[in-house]
């Protein structure tokens, strides 16, 4: 079985964790409703909140069910990031990893790109 996953940070092509997407099928570049923030702890990865009225630019993939557990482990699901399903008017339902920490002290990334 397969499902769609939207990635916006280190899992994207050309970034440090893209090797974890091996076996996934790249579908398209995609923009979804949400706010992207830079991490504030000195690491170089973004965090996101979805359905906030802003735009996050990323990539959409088709992944297999056997990939989900390794991606969950990498993202710290369900504590650091929560994998959740997004439904919008453009695309069939897809999963995202949404940051679970406090973003009140973080500055939104105005262009929505990592």
C-alpha atoms as a PDB file:
ATOM      1  CA  UNK A   1       0.000   0.000   0.000  1.00  0.00           C
ATOM      2  CA  UNK A   2       1.168   3.535  -0.694  1.00  0.00           C
ATOM      3  CA  UNK A   3       0.321   6.993   0.581  1.00  0.00           C
ATOM      4  CA  UNK A   4       1.423  10.559  -0.086  1.00  0.00           C
ATOM      5  CA  UNK A   5       3.874  12.481   2.099  1.00  0.00           C
ATOM      6  CA  UNK A   6       4.684  16.200   1.909  1.00  0.00           C
ATOM      7  CA  UNK A   7       8.266  17.056   2.962  1.00  0.00           C
ATOM      8  CA  UNK A   8       9.568  20.579   3.523  1.00  0.00           C
ATOM      9  CA  UNK A   9      13.011  20.302   5.138  1.00  0.00           C
ATOM     10  CA  UNK A  10      15.862  17.846   5.489  1.00  0.00           C
ATOM     11  CA  UNK A  11      13.962  15.058   3.673  1.00  0.00           C
ATOM     12  CA  UNK A  12      13.829  17.110   0.446  1.00  0.00           C
ATOM     13  CA  UNK A  13      16.096  16.412  -2.517  1.00  0.00           C
ATOM     14  CA  UNK A  14      19.595  17.752  -1.925  1.00  0.00           C
ATOM     15  CA  UNK A  15      19.272  17.895   1.856  1.00  0.00           C
ATOM     16  CA  UNK A  16      20.892  15.900   4.643  1.00  0.00           C
ATOM     17  CA  UNK A  17      18.218  13.239   5.240  1.00  0.00           C
ATOM     18  CA  UNK A  18      16.979  12.716   1.695  1.00  0.00           C
ATOM     19  CA  UNK A  19      18.581   9.233   1.720  1.00  0.00           C
ATOM     20  CA  UNK A  20      15.670   8.185   3.968  1.00  0.00           C
ATOM     21  CA  UNK A  21      13.366   8.799   0.999  1.00  0.00           C
ATOM     22  CA  UNK A  22      15.076   6.054  -1.029  1.00  0.00           C
ATOM     23  CA  UNK A  23      12.305   3.968  -2.550  1.00  0.00           C
ATOM     24  CA  UNK A  24       9.802   6.841  -2.530  1.00  0.00           C
ATOM     25  CA  UNK A  25       8.409   8.157  -5.797  1.00  0.00           C
ATOM     26  CA  UNK A  26       8.809  11.921  -6.303  1.00  0.00           C
ATOM     27  CA  UNK A  27       5.459  13.278  -7.493  1.00  0.00           C
ATOM     28  CA  UNK A  28       5.903  17.049  -7.714  1.00  0.00           C
ATOM     29  CA  UNK A  29       6.935  20.233  -6.026  1.00  0.00           C
ATOM     30  CA  UNK A  30       3.990  21.366  -3.944  1.00  0.00           C
ATOM     31  CA  UNK A  31       2.904  24.255  -1.733  1.00  0.00           C
ATOM     32  CA  UNK A  32       0.519  23.754   1.140  1.00  0.00           C
ATOM     33  CA  UNK A  33      -1.149  25.857   3.800  1.00  0.00           C
ATOM     34  CA  UNK A  34       1.080  26.349   6.829  1.00  0.00           C
ATOM     35  CA  UNK A  35       3.872  28.325   8.453  1.00  0.00           C
ATOM     36  CA  UNK A  36       7.534  27.365   8.319  1.00  0.00           C
ATOM     37  CA  UNK A  37       9.906  28.374  11.120  1.00  0.00           C
ATOM     38  CA  UNK A  38      13.659  28.031  11.478  1.00  0.00           C
ATOM     39  CA  UNK A  39      14.720  25.921  14.437  1.00  0.00           C
ATOM     40  CA  UNK A  40      15.891  27.986  17.388  1.00  0.00           C
ATOM     41  CA  UNK A  41      18.173  25.407  18.997  1.00  0.00           C
ATOM     42  CA  UNK A  42      21.175  25.860  16.713  1.00  0.00           C
ATOM     43  CA  UNK A  43      20.320  22.928  14.462  1.00  0.00           C
ATOM     44  CA  UNK A  44      19.724  23.403  10.774  1.00  0.00           C
ATOM     45  CA  UNK A  45      16.252  22.076  10.187  1.00  0.00           C
ATOM     46  CA  UNK A  46      12.875  23.768   9.866  1.00  0.00           C
ATOM     47  CA  UNK A  47       9.746  23.222  11.885  1.00  0.00           C
ATOM     48  CA  UNK A  48       6.200  23.678  10.593  1.00  0.00           C
ATOM     49  CA  UNK A  49       2.660  24.247  11.676  1.00  0.00           C
ATOM     50  CA  UNK A  50      -0.027  23.481   9.130  1.00  0.00           C
ATOM     51  CA  UNK A  51      -3.329  25.136   8.212  1.00  0.00           C
ATOM     52  CA  UNK A  52      -2.235  28.564   9.462  1.00  0.00           C
ATOM     53  CA  UNK A  53      -3.014  30.624   6.356  1.00  0.00           C
ATOM     54  CA  UNK A  54       0.561  30.986   5.102  1.00  0.00           C
ATOM     55  CA  UNK A  55       2.388  28.839   2.518  1.00  0.00           C
ATOM     56  CA  UNK A  56       5.042  26.143   2.881  1.00  0.00           C
ATOM     57  CA  UNK A  57       6.910  25.062  -0.251  1.00  0.00           C
ATOM     58  CA  UNK A  58       8.130  21.473  -0.424  1.00  0.00           C
ATOM     59  CA  UNK A  59       7.907  18.199  -2.290  1.00  0.00           C
ATOM     60  CA  UNK A  60       5.220  15.570  -2.520  1.00  0.00           C
ATOM     61  CA  UNK A  61       6.149  11.871  -2.584  1.00  0.00           C
ATOM     62  CA  UNK A  62       4.398   8.561  -2.808  1.00  0.00           C
ATOM     63  CA  UNK A  63       5.761   6.325  -0.056  1.00  0.00           C
ATOM     64  CA  UNK A  64       5.194   2.700   0.845  1.00  0.00           C
ATOM     65  CA  UNK A  65       3.845   1.594   4.212  1.00  0.00           C
ATOM     66  CA  UNK A  66       7.176  -0.047   5.059  1.00  0.00           C
ATOM     67  CA  UNK A  67       8.895   3.377   4.851  1.00  0.00           C
ATOM     68  CA  UNK A  68       6.625   4.934   7.470  1.00  0.00           C
ATOM     69  CA  UNK A  69       8.313   3.440  10.546  1.00  0.00           C
ATOM     70  CA  UNK A  70      11.809   4.691   9.609  1.00  0.00           C
ATOM     71  CA  UNK A  71      10.439   8.170   8.799  1.00  0.00           C
ATOM     72  CA  UNK A  72       8.484   8.215  12.077  1.00  0.00           C
ATOM     73  CA  UNK A  73      11.677   7.327  13.957  1.00  0.00           C
ATOM     74  CA  UNK A  74      13.689  10.028  12.173  1.00  0.00           C
ATOM     75  CA  UNK A  75      11.049  12.698  12.879  1.00  0.00           C
ATOM     76  CA  UNK A  76      10.500  11.644  16.507  1.00  0.00           C
ATOM     77  CA  UNK A  77       6.823  10.799  15.924  1.00  0.00           C
ATOM     78  CA  UNK A  78       4.651  11.305  17.927  1.00  0.00           C
ATOM     79  CA  UNK A  79       6.586  13.461  20.430  1.00  0.00           C
ATOM     80  CA  UNK A  80       8.818  15.903  18.518  1.00  0.00           C
ATOM     81  CA  UNK A  81       6.833  15.802  15.272  1.00  0.00           C
ATOM     82  CA  UNK A  82       3.374  14.358  14.795  1.00  0.00           C
ATOM     83  CA  UNK A  83       2.504  12.643  11.515  1.00  0.00           C
ATOM     84  CA  UNK A  84      -0.924  13.849  10.527  1.00  0.00           C
ATOM     85  CA  UNK A  85      -3.148  13.811   7.465  1.00  0.00           C
ATOM     86  CA  UNK A  86      -3.909  17.003   5.581  1.00  0.00           C
ATOM     87  CA  UNK A  87      -6.838  17.345   3.234  1.00  0.00           C
ATOM     88  CA  UNK A  88      -6.960  20.311   0.884  1.00  0.00           C
ATOM     89  CA  UNK A  89      -8.948  21.215  -2.184  1.00  0.00           C
ATOM     90  CA  UNK A  90      -6.093  20.546  -4.636  1.00  0.00           C
ATOM     91  CA  UNK A  91      -4.528  17.210  -3.690  1.00  0.00           C
ATOM     92  CA  UNK A  92      -5.759  13.880  -2.385  1.00  0.00           C
ATOM     93  CA  UNK A  93      -5.095  13.470   1.359  1.00  0.00           C
ATOM     94  CA  UNK A  94      -1.401  13.450   2.262  1.00  0.00           C
ATOM     95  CA  UNK A  95       0.656  13.135   5.428  1.00  0.00           C
ATOM     96  CA  UNK A  96       2.920  15.761   6.975  1.00  0.00           C
ATOM     97  CA  UNK A  97       5.161  15.877  10.021  1.00  0.00           C
ATOM     98  CA  UNK A  98       4.052  18.778  12.227  1.00  0.00           C
ATOM     99  CA  UNK A  99       6.296  20.140  14.985  1.00  0.00           C
ATOM    100  CA  UNK A 100       4.844  19.657  18.485  1.00  0.00           C
ATOM    101  CA  UNK A 101       6.995  22.139  20.387  1.00  0.00           C
ATOM    102  CA  UNK A 102       6.409  25.776  21.232  1.00  0.00           C
ATOM    103  CA  UNK A 103       6.808  28.052  18.193  1.00  0.00           C
ATOM    104  CA  UNK A 104       5.899  31.307  19.993  1.00  0.00           C
ATOM    105  CA  UNK A 105       9.575  32.311  20.285  1.00  0.00           C
ATOM    106  CA  UNK A 106      10.385  31.422  16.649  1.00  0.00           C
ATOM    107  CA  UNK A 107      10.326  33.762  13.676  1.00  0.00           C
ATOM    108  CA  UNK A 108       8.206  32.625  10.732  1.00  0.00           C
ATOM    109  CA  UNK A 109      10.087  32.061   7.497  1.00  0.00           C
ATOM    110  CA  UNK A 110       8.335  34.586   5.270  1.00  0.00           C
ATOM    111  CA  UNK A 111       9.056  32.832   1.953  1.00  0.00           C
ATOM    112  CA  UNK A 112       8.022  29.399   3.250  1.00  0.00           C
ATOM    113  CA  UNK A 113      11.132  27.675   1.877  1.00  0.00           C
ATOM    114  CA  UNK A 114      13.949  25.724   3.509  1.00  0.00           C
END
